[in-house]
Structures are given as C-alpha cells and as structure tokens.
Amino acid sequence: MNAQFNVPSTIIVAGGASQQLAAQAARLGGRRALLVTDATLVASGLVKRCADQLAAADIPATVFSGVKPDPTDENVREGLALLRKENCDLVVGLGGGSPMDAAKVIAVAATNDAPLREFAGYHRIARAGLPLVLIPTTAGTGSEVTKVAVITDTGRDQKMMMLDVHLLANVALVDFELSLTMPASLTAHVGVDTLTHGIEACVSKKANGLTDPLAEQCIRLTAANLLTAWAEPANRPAREAMMLAACLGGMAFANSSVCLVHGMSRPVGAVFHLAHGLSNALLLPEITRWSLRGAVARYARIARLVGAAADSAPDESASASLPVYLEQLNARLGIGRLRDFIHVDQTVFEQKLPAMAEAALASGSPQNNPALPSTDEIVALYRRVW
C-alpha cells in the first residue's frame, strides 16, 4: 500500500461542538476573525451567535456573508478584501460546502501572492494559509475535513478543483444540532452527495486501507439513516448519524479521491448553476451502472452494505442491484431527472455537451474511476441522465 492521509489536526464531533468555537479560536492565537458564511445563515441568527461567542472571548468577528451557492472567484476576492481591510488573522467558515470552500481559499489567498487560477489542480499552493476553523451546517459535503476546494472561475465559466494539504482546516467542529433545521429537499440532496462520496472513495483506483473503513462506514450510516432524517427532520439520532457520515465520507474521498460522478458534476454546476450535491445525486445511479464493469467486487460489497443484495449473492448480481437501489432511493427522495432541475431546452443542453465532457476529463477525477471513459462516452452519459 502506498497512501498519504491528511485530515485536520483537531476534529470535534458532538452535539453542541460549535460552542467550542471561541476556545479553539483562542487556542489558534486568533485576534480578529473573518466569519465566512451566507445570507441564509445570517437570517437564521446562527452567525450572530457565533460572532457573539467570539466577541465574548475578545476576538471580534467581521462577517462576510456574500458567498453564493457554488462559490466563485469573485466571492473569494471580496472576502479577501474584507479580511485585509479589517486586519483579520483567523478565518472561520460556517455553513455548507460553499462557505467552507470559500473560507479555505480566502485563508490561503491571504498568504499566497498568486492568482486564484494558479491554485487549481493538485498541490499548487506554496504556503500555509491563515488559521482556519470550519463548522458545517449541512450533512453532505464533508468539506470541513478535506484538503479540497472547488471555486468557479467566472471568466471561463469553469469550476476549479484545488487539492492541497494547505487547504485543511486546523479545527473542524462537527455539530449535528446545526443540521436540525435543514429543509427536506436539502437533506435529500446533500444526503445522496454523502453517499456519493462514500461510494466513489470506495471504488476509486486510489482507495486504500486507510480510506476503505471510513468510506464503508459512511455508506452504512447513510443507507440506514438518510430516509429517516429526510422524513423526520427533528430525529436527532438520524441527524447525528448523517453528520458523522458526511465527515467520514469527506475524510475518505479527500485521501482516495473522487471519480467520474464528481468529474461530470462540476461542469453541470458551472454551466447550469446547479448545486453540487444535487448534480451528484442526479448523476450517481447512471454513472454507477456504467462503471460496474471496472470494479464488480467493490460495487457488490457496497450493494451488500446498503442492503440492496444479500450477503450470499454472487458479485455480478449483487453489483447489478446497486444502480437499481440508487434509482429507487432518488425516487423516494424526490430527485428526478436532470431536465427537471436545469430548465433549459434539450437543444441548448446538447450544444453544451462537448465542452462539458472535455471539462469533466480535464478535472482529473474521471481518471480514478474503475472504468475509464472517453469524451464521447461522457457525452453519451450526459444524454442518459437528461
């Protein structure tokens, strides 16, 4: 085995973990914090509670709430300008994957004098960023524990995937109580996103003995708890399990990599501005079906983990049951077809496909997939999910 494993040095998983923000910020030596979030969380009152907690520890916080779904380079530059104006020396990311990804890149942009485009790719960030605390409010992306950020380049209408150990948070505060107010649709989308992370971490060509246990537990927990969390929003055990699943999935895929679903999902988000978790969910069943031939035994094991196949089922039939299970899960959660969400004519969609397929391949993620696609095969897959 040849594996490298990177996670935040401090991960606190507990109901109420977010209440340790001030103590952890002080431990990191923070004197002024930039709190990166979105307008929804400001309106909820959660941002004020976090800012008040920091202020009580003599760490004044400046709030940057301009992060949009699927954050852009413009969001990062706006946040960075505010950080410099207020002389902040600590960054706190609060929210779903978008605020956390923006916070990561703001933190490294503050210490690396380079255009954001130069961060795109693998291991392209020269210096560590400012101290960083991440607090997830959705049980989906796992971004709080990953060395990955995805930022849209507005000039090229492309998503830039950045992977570097300098993007890791110093502290992740994983508090399931913050997810109790998630609406049903968001619970569904980020929940299937979590399952996607576990599955792709498990079947990736870079999967290894360090990531497999995390990926498999992510899959087990999601299969056992997602529908309950969706149907019963106040169900604390289900919410806690889903938040843990998201964290485990993040640790797994950040160290074994994602595959074709993510590679094809990013262009969908960049071109049609569809949320990352939803685009992953829409792609997952069909991409899984196409990829089965590359890792039959692994997909069969996943099918058994989710209860789609009996332990005694042969690998071929067990693996074939997995995409059927995923389609049925999406149907129960109200996740339909791609055309139900992007609201463009099929002719417009068709015109975008060649460039989207090229962007998917260029992201690097499809190269980790058990079955390697050509550009034409990616175009055909986009048509099949339409």
Protein backbone atom coordinates (compact mmCIF):
# COMPACT_ATOMS: atom_id res chain seq x y z
CA MET A 1 0.00 0.00 0.00
CA ASN A 2 1.22 3.48 -0.89
CA ALA A 3 -1.09 6.01 0.74
CA GLN A 4 -0.99 9.52 2.17
CA PHE A 5 -3.62 10.53 4.70
CA ASN A 6 -4.30 14.14 5.67
CA VAL A 7 -7.07 15.42 7.95
CA PRO A 8 -7.41 18.42 10.31
CA SER A 9 -5.31 18.12 13.43
CA THR A 10 -8.40 18.69 15.61
CA ILE A 11 -11.85 17.28 14.83
CA ILE A 12 -14.54 17.64 17.48
CA VAL A 13 -17.72 15.65 16.80
CA ALA A 14 -20.56 16.29 19.26
CA GLY A 15 -23.92 17.89 19.72
CA GLY A 16 -23.03 21.45 20.71
CA ALA A 17 -19.48 21.23 19.30
CA SER A 18 -19.93 24.65 17.65
CA GLN A 19 -19.98 26.18 21.12
CA GLN A 20 -16.26 25.49 21.32
CA LEU A 21 -15.53 27.98 18.55
CA ALA A 22 -14.17 30.71 20.80
CA ALA A 23 -11.96 28.35 22.79
CA GLN A 24 -10.49 26.87 19.63
CA ALA A 25 -10.03 30.29 18.01
CA ALA A 26 -8.14 31.49 21.08
CA ARG A 27 -6.01 28.35 21.07
CA LEU A 28 -5.01 29.15 17.49
CA GLY A 29 -3.94 32.65 18.54
CA GLY A 30 -6.71 34.46 16.71
CA ARG A 31 -7.17 38.15 17.49
CA ARG A 32 -9.62 39.18 14.75
CA ALA A 33 -11.76 36.70 12.84
CA LEU A 34 -13.32 36.79 9.40
CA LEU A 35 -16.53 34.75 9.60
CA VAL A 36 -17.31 33.44 6.11
CA THR A 37 -20.93 32.39 5.58
CA ASP A 38 -24.04 33.06 3.52
CA ALA A 39 -27.12 35.25 3.80
CA THR A 40 -29.39 32.38 4.85
CA LEU A 41 -27.35 31.65 7.96
CA VAL A 42 -27.20 35.33 8.82
CA ALA A 43 -31.01 35.44 8.70
CA SER A 44 -31.21 32.32 10.90
CA GLY A 45 -29.38 34.04 13.75
CA LEU A 46 -26.63 31.41 13.86
CA VAL A 47 -23.98 33.79 12.55
CA LYS A 48 -24.73 36.30 15.30
CA ARG A 49 -24.47 33.57 17.95
CA CYS A 50 -21.04 32.57 16.65
CA ALA A 51 -19.88 36.20 16.41
CA ASP A 52 -21.11 36.90 19.93
CA GLN A 53 -19.28 33.84 21.22
CA LEU A 54 -16.03 35.10 19.66
CA ALA A 55 -16.59 38.63 20.95
CA ALA A 56 -17.03 37.31 24.48
CA ALA A 57 -13.52 35.87 24.17
CA ASP A 58 -12.16 39.25 22.98
CA ILE A 59 -11.93 38.06 19.37
CA PRO A 60 -14.02 40.49 17.32
CA ALA A 61 -15.51 38.98 14.17
CA THR A 62 -16.17 40.60 10.81
CA VAL A 63 -18.90 38.79 8.88
CA PHE A 64 -18.56 38.12 5.15
CA SER A 65 -21.91 36.74 4.03
CA GLY A 66 -21.51 37.18 0.29
CA VAL A 67 -20.85 33.53 -0.53
CA LYS A 68 -23.17 32.19 -3.22
CA PRO A 69 -24.05 28.54 -3.86
CA ASP A 70 -21.06 27.06 -5.69
CA PRO A 71 -18.68 29.87 -4.69
CA THR A 72 -16.90 31.96 -7.29
CA ASP A 73 -13.53 33.61 -7.62
CA GLU A 74 -15.36 36.92 -7.13
CA ASN A 75 -16.67 35.71 -3.75
CA VAL A 76 -13.13 34.82 -2.71
CA ARG A 77 -11.72 38.17 -3.79
CA GLU A 78 -14.48 40.07 -1.96
CA GLY A 79 -13.87 38.09 1.22
CA LEU A 80 -10.12 38.55 0.95
CA ALA A 81 -10.50 42.32 0.53
CA LEU A 82 -12.64 42.48 3.67
CA LEU A 83 -10.16 40.32 5.59
CA ARG A 84 -7.31 42.67 4.71
CA LYS A 85 -9.35 45.78 5.43
CA GLU A 86 -10.20 44.53 8.92
CA ASN A 87 -6.73 43.03 9.61
CA CYS A 88 -8.17 39.59 10.35
CA ASP A 89 -5.71 36.85 11.28
CA LEU A 90 -8.15 33.94 11.59
CA VAL A 91 -10.80 32.58 9.21
CA VAL A 92 -13.98 30.78 10.28
CA GLY A 93 -16.10 29.02 7.66
CA LEU A 94 -19.70 28.43 8.71
CA GLY A 95 -22.26 26.71 6.51
CA GLY A 96 -22.46 24.09 3.80
CA GLY A 97 -19.75 23.28 1.31
CA SER A 98 -19.88 26.68 -0.37
CA PRO A 99 -18.97 28.87 2.63
CA MET A 100 -16.42 26.31 3.82
CA ASP A 101 -14.73 26.09 0.41
CA ALA A 102 -14.69 29.89 0.12
CA ALA A 103 -13.20 30.17 3.62
CA LYS A 104 -10.43 27.71 2.73
CA VAL A 105 -9.40 29.63 -0.34
CA ILE A 106 -9.64 33.02 1.36
CA ALA A 107 -7.33 31.70 4.09
CA VAL A 108 -4.64 30.58 1.62
CA ALA A 109 -5.10 33.58 -0.68
CA ALA A 110 -4.21 35.79 2.29
CA THR A 111 -0.72 34.26 2.49
CA ASN A 112 0.00 33.33 -1.13
CA ASP A 113 0.51 36.14 -3.61
CA ALA A 114 -0.74 34.36 -6.72
CA PRO A 115 -3.82 34.47 -8.96
CA LEU A 116 -6.53 32.05 -7.84
CA ARG A 117 -6.26 30.14 -11.12
CA GLU A 118 -2.77 29.07 -10.11
CA PHE A 119 -4.21 27.19 -7.12
CA ALA A 120 -6.24 24.91 -9.40
CA GLY A 121 -5.07 21.32 -9.67
CA TYR A 122 -3.04 19.17 -7.33
CA HIS A 123 -0.55 20.56 -4.79
CA ARG A 124 -0.30 24.05 -6.27
CA ILE A 125 -0.42 26.18 -3.08
CA ALA A 126 3.05 27.16 -1.87
CA ARG A 127 2.42 28.33 1.70
CA ALA A 128 0.07 27.54 4.56
CA GLY A 129 -2.90 29.83 4.96
CA LEU A 130 -4.19 31.72 7.98
CA PRO A 131 -5.52 29.62 10.89
CA LEU A 132 -8.84 28.13 9.83
CA VAL A 133 -11.85 26.78 11.73
CA LEU A 134 -14.66 25.09 9.79
CA ILE A 135 -18.18 24.42 11.08
CA PRO A 136 -20.58 22.51 8.80
CA THR A 137 -24.30 23.15 8.98
CA THR A 138 -25.33 20.55 6.41
CA ALA A 139 -24.61 16.82 6.48
CA GLY A 140 -23.26 16.49 2.98
CA THR A 141 -20.00 17.80 1.62
CA GLY A 142 -17.57 16.78 4.36
CA SER A 143 -15.59 19.87 3.35
CA GLU A 144 -14.72 20.55 6.99
CA VAL A 145 -12.21 17.67 6.92
CA THR A 146 -10.96 17.76 3.32
CA LYS A 147 -7.94 19.28 1.60
CA VAL A 148 -10.14 20.12 -1.39
CA ALA A 149 -11.97 23.27 -2.51
CA VAL A 150 -13.97 23.93 -5.66
CA ILE A 151 -14.28 27.52 -6.87
CA THR A 152 -15.95 28.69 -10.09
CA ASP A 153 -13.78 30.71 -12.45
CA THR A 154 -16.34 33.26 -13.67
CA GLY A 155 -14.17 34.35 -16.57
CA ARG A 156 -14.10 30.86 -18.08
CA ASP A 157 -17.36 29.52 -16.60
CA GLN A 158 -15.44 26.54 -15.21
CA LYS A 159 -15.09 25.02 -11.79
CA MET A 160 -11.53 24.98 -10.46
CA MET A 161 -10.78 21.95 -8.30
CA MET A 162 -7.99 22.65 -5.82
CA LEU A 163 -6.35 19.91 -3.77
CA ASP A 164 -3.58 20.77 -1.36
CA VAL A 165 -2.76 20.00 2.26
CA HIS A 166 -2.67 23.76 2.91
CA LEU A 167 -6.46 23.81 2.40
CA LEU A 168 -7.02 21.71 5.52
CA ALA A 169 -8.69 23.35 8.48
CA ASN A 170 -6.82 23.50 11.75
CA VAL A 171 -10.06 22.69 13.56
CA ALA A 172 -13.33 21.10 12.42
CA LEU A 173 -16.33 21.46 14.73
CA VAL A 174 -18.92 18.89 13.66
CA ASP A 175 -22.18 19.72 15.42
CA PHE A 176 -25.22 17.78 14.19
CA GLU A 177 -27.56 20.15 16.05
CA LEU A 178 -26.86 22.77 13.37
CA SER A 179 -28.41 20.46 10.75
CA LEU A 180 -31.77 20.03 12.50
CA THR A 181 -33.39 22.89 10.60
CA MET A 182 -32.36 21.75 7.11
CA PRO A 183 -35.36 21.58 4.74
CA ALA A 184 -36.30 18.20 3.31
CA SER A 185 -35.01 18.91 -0.21
CA LEU A 186 -31.58 19.98 1.04
CA THR A 187 -31.44 16.96 3.37
CA ALA A 188 -32.09 14.74 0.35
CA HIS A 189 -29.58 16.37 -1.96
CA VAL A 190 -26.67 16.55 0.48
CA GLY A 191 -27.52 13.12 1.83
CA VAL A 192 -27.11 11.47 -1.57
CA ASP A 193 -23.99 13.60 -2.00
CA THR A 194 -22.63 11.96 1.16
CA LEU A 195 -23.43 8.53 -0.27
CA THR A 196 -21.66 9.52 -3.49
CA HIS A 197 -18.56 10.40 -1.51
CA GLY A 198 -18.55 7.05 0.25
CA ILE A 199 -19.11 5.09 -2.96
CA GLU A 200 -16.53 6.94 -5.03
CA ALA A 201 -13.93 6.78 -2.24
CA CYS A 202 -14.53 3.03 -2.10
CA VAL A 203 -14.21 2.30 -5.84
CA SER A 204 -11.51 4.86 -6.69
CA LYS A 205 -8.27 3.50 -8.08
CA LYS A 206 -6.61 5.33 -5.18
CA ALA A 207 -8.71 3.62 -2.50
CA ASN A 208 -6.52 2.15 0.22
CA GLY A 209 -6.53 0.50 3.61
CA LEU A 210 -6.76 3.85 5.42
CA THR A 211 -9.75 5.14 3.49
CA ASP A 212 -11.78 1.95 3.00
CA PRO A 213 -13.07 1.69 6.60
CA LEU A 214 -14.14 5.35 6.56
CA ALA A 215 -15.85 5.05 3.18
CA GLU A 216 -17.69 1.88 4.16
CA GLN A 217 -18.95 3.31 7.44
CA CYS A 218 -20.09 6.43 5.57
CA ILE A 219 -22.09 4.18 3.23
CA ARG A 220 -23.58 2.13 6.07
CA LEU A 221 -24.66 5.17 8.08
CA THR A 222 -26.18 6.92 5.09
CA ALA A 223 -28.16 3.89 3.96
CA ALA A 224 -29.50 3.38 7.48
CA ASN A 225 -30.37 6.99 8.30
CA LEU A 226 -30.92 9.22 5.25
CA LEU A 227 -34.57 8.41 4.69
CA THR A 228 -35.34 8.89 8.38
CA ALA A 229 -33.53 12.24 8.52
CA TRP A 230 -35.46 13.32 5.41
CA ALA A 231 -38.87 12.20 6.68
CA GLU A 232 -38.33 13.20 10.32
CA PRO A 233 -36.23 16.39 10.37
CA ALA A 234 -36.13 16.57 14.18
CA ASN A 235 -34.92 12.98 14.58
CA ARG A 236 -31.70 13.61 16.47
CA PRO A 237 -30.14 10.14 16.14
CA ALA A 238 -30.67 10.18 12.37
CA ARG A 239 -29.32 13.73 12.04
CA GLU A 240 -26.30 12.84 14.18
CA ALA A 241 -25.60 9.75 12.07
CA MET A 242 -25.82 11.71 8.83
CA MET A 243 -23.47 14.42 10.08
CA LEU A 244 -20.96 11.74 11.09
CA ALA A 245 -21.41 10.00 7.73
CA ALA A 246 -20.63 13.24 5.90
CA CYS A 247 -17.50 13.77 7.98
CA LEU A 248 -16.30 10.21 7.40
CA GLY A 249 -17.02 10.46 3.69
CA GLY A 250 -15.03 13.68 3.48
CA MET A 251 -12.02 12.11 5.17
CA ALA A 252 -12.27 9.13 2.84
CA PHE A 253 -12.62 10.83 -0.55
CA ALA A 254 -10.08 13.55 0.24
CA ASN A 255 -7.47 10.83 0.65
CA SER A 256 -8.55 8.36 -2.04
CA SER A 257 -10.08 10.83 -4.50
CA VAL A 258 -13.45 11.03 -6.19
CA CYS A 259 -14.23 9.64 -9.63
CA LEU A 260 -16.46 10.10 -12.65
CA VAL A 261 -19.59 11.34 -10.86
CA HIS A 262 -17.71 14.34 -9.50
CA GLY A 263 -15.85 14.90 -12.75
CA MET A 264 -19.15 15.14 -14.65
CA SER A 265 -20.93 17.02 -11.87
CA ARG A 266 -18.62 20.05 -11.86
CA PRO A 267 -19.41 21.16 -15.44
CA VAL A 268 -23.13 20.76 -14.75
CA GLY A 269 -22.76 23.15 -11.82
CA ALA A 270 -20.54 25.60 -13.67
CA VAL A 271 -22.68 25.81 -16.82
CA PHE A 272 -26.18 25.45 -15.39
CA HIS A 273 -25.56 26.68 -11.83
CA LEU A 274 -26.94 23.57 -10.22
CA ALA A 275 -25.95 22.89 -6.60
CA HIS A 276 -23.11 20.40 -6.28
CA GLY A 277 -24.92 17.91 -4.07
CA LEU A 278 -27.96 17.79 -6.34
CA SER A 279 -25.92 17.34 -9.52
CA ASN A 280 -24.00 14.47 -7.89
CA ALA A 281 -27.28 12.85 -6.83
CA LEU A 282 -28.73 13.12 -10.34
CA LEU A 283 -25.67 11.51 -11.92
CA LEU A 284 -24.96 8.78 -9.36
CA PRO A 285 -27.26 5.92 -10.49
CA GLU A 286 -26.40 6.05 -14.21
CA ILE A 287 -22.66 6.59 -13.71
CA THR A 288 -22.61 3.72 -11.24
CA ARG A 289 -24.35 1.43 -13.76
CA TRP A 290 -21.80 2.36 -16.45
CA SER A 291 -18.84 1.88 -14.09
CA LEU A 292 -19.78 -1.52 -12.65
CA ARG A 293 -17.59 -3.49 -15.06
CA GLY A 294 -14.47 -1.85 -13.69
CA ALA A 295 -14.87 -2.97 -10.06
CA VAL A 296 -17.53 -5.66 -9.79
CA ALA A 297 -16.39 -6.95 -6.41
CA ARG A 298 -16.23 -3.47 -4.88
CA TYR A 299 -19.65 -2.46 -6.15
CA ALA A 300 -21.03 -5.78 -4.92
CA ARG A 301 -19.68 -5.06 -1.45
CA ILE A 302 -21.33 -1.63 -1.49
CA ALA A 303 -24.63 -3.21 -2.57
CA ARG A 304 -24.44 -5.53 0.43
CA LEU A 305 -23.59 -2.62 2.75
CA VAL A 306 -26.72 -0.70 1.73
CA GLY A 307 -28.93 -3.77 1.85
CA ALA A 308 -29.54 -3.97 -1.89
CA ALA A 309 -28.11 -7.50 -2.07
CA ALA A 310 -27.88 -10.44 0.29
CA ASP A 311 -24.50 -11.36 1.74
CA SER A 312 -24.71 -14.65 -0.16
CA ALA A 313 -25.45 -13.05 -3.55
CA PRO A 314 -22.79 -13.55 -6.26
CA ASP A 315 -20.78 -10.45 -7.09
CA GLU A 316 -22.26 -9.99 -10.58
CA SER A 317 -25.88 -9.96 -9.44
CA ALA A 318 -25.08 -8.01 -6.26
CA SER A 319 -23.28 -5.26 -8.14
CA ALA A 320 -26.08 -5.04 -10.70
CA SER A 321 -28.56 -4.37 -7.89
CA LEU A 322 -26.74 -1.22 -6.76
CA PRO A 323 -27.79 1.23 -9.51
CA VAL A 324 -31.38 -0.01 -9.14
CA TYR A 325 -31.20 0.74 -5.40
CA LEU A 326 -29.77 4.20 -6.13
CA GLU A 327 -32.55 4.98 -8.62
CA GLN A 328 -35.18 3.92 -6.11
CA LEU A 329 -33.54 6.00 -3.37
CA ASN A 330 -33.58 9.08 -5.58
CA ALA A 331 -37.21 8.47 -6.46
CA ARG A 332 -38.22 8.22 -2.81
CA LEU A 333 -36.37 11.47 -2.08
CA GLY A 334 -37.97 13.34 -4.96
CA ILE A 335 -34.78 13.55 -7.01
CA GLY A 336 -35.83 13.14 -10.64
CA ARG A 337 -34.00 13.71 -13.92
CA LEU A 338 -31.50 16.39 -14.84
CA ARG A 339 -34.06 18.11 -17.09
CA ASP A 340 -36.31 18.59 -14.08
CA PHE A 341 -33.81 20.96 -12.48
CA ILE A 342 -31.82 22.88 -15.09
CA HIS A 343 -34.81 24.28 -17.03
CA VAL A 344 -33.25 24.63 -20.49
CA ASP A 345 -34.31 23.16 -23.81
CA GLN A 346 -32.66 19.90 -24.76
CA THR A 347 -31.12 21.61 -27.81
CA VAL A 348 -29.31 24.06 -25.52
CA PHE A 349 -28.19 21.18 -23.32
CA GLU A 350 -26.88 19.28 -26.36
CA GLN A 351 -24.84 22.27 -27.52
CA LYS A 352 -23.01 22.39 -24.20
CA LEU A 353 -22.12 18.69 -24.02
CA PRO A 354 -18.78 18.56 -25.92
CA ALA A 355 -17.26 21.33 -23.82
CA MET A 356 -18.71 19.85 -20.62
CA ALA A 357 -17.22 16.45 -21.43
CA GLU A 358 -13.81 17.99 -22.07
CA ALA A 359 -14.01 19.90 -18.77
CA ALA A 360 -15.01 16.73 -16.93
CA LEU A 361 -11.98 14.85 -18.24
CA ALA A 362 -9.67 17.80 -17.59
CA SER A 363 -10.68 17.85 -13.90
CA GLY A 364 -8.65 14.68 -13.28
CA SER A 365 -11.35 12.89 -11.30
CA PRO A 366 -12.54 10.53 -14.08
CA GLN A 367 -9.04 9.05 -14.28
CA ASN A 368 -9.65 7.49 -10.84
CA ASN A 369 -12.86 5.81 -11.98
CA PRO A 370 -12.91 1.99 -12.14
CA ALA A 371 -13.85 2.21 -15.84
CA LEU A 372 -12.16 4.97 -17.85
CA PRO A 373 -14.46 6.97 -20.17
CA SER A 374 -13.69 8.69 -23.45
CA THR A 375 -15.04 12.13 -24.25
CA ASP A 376 -17.72 10.57 -26.44
CA GLU A 377 -18.75 8.20 -23.65
CA ILE A 378 -19.12 11.11 -21.23
CA VAL A 379 -21.33 12.91 -23.74
CA ALA A 380 -23.45 9.76 -24.04
CA LEU A 381 -23.71 9.52 -20.26
CA TYR A 382 -24.87 13.14 -20.01
CA ARG A 383 -27.59 12.29 -22.53
CA ARG A 384 -28.66 9.27 -20.49
CA VAL A 385 -29.17 11.35 -17.33
CA TRP A 386 -31.05 14.10 -19.17
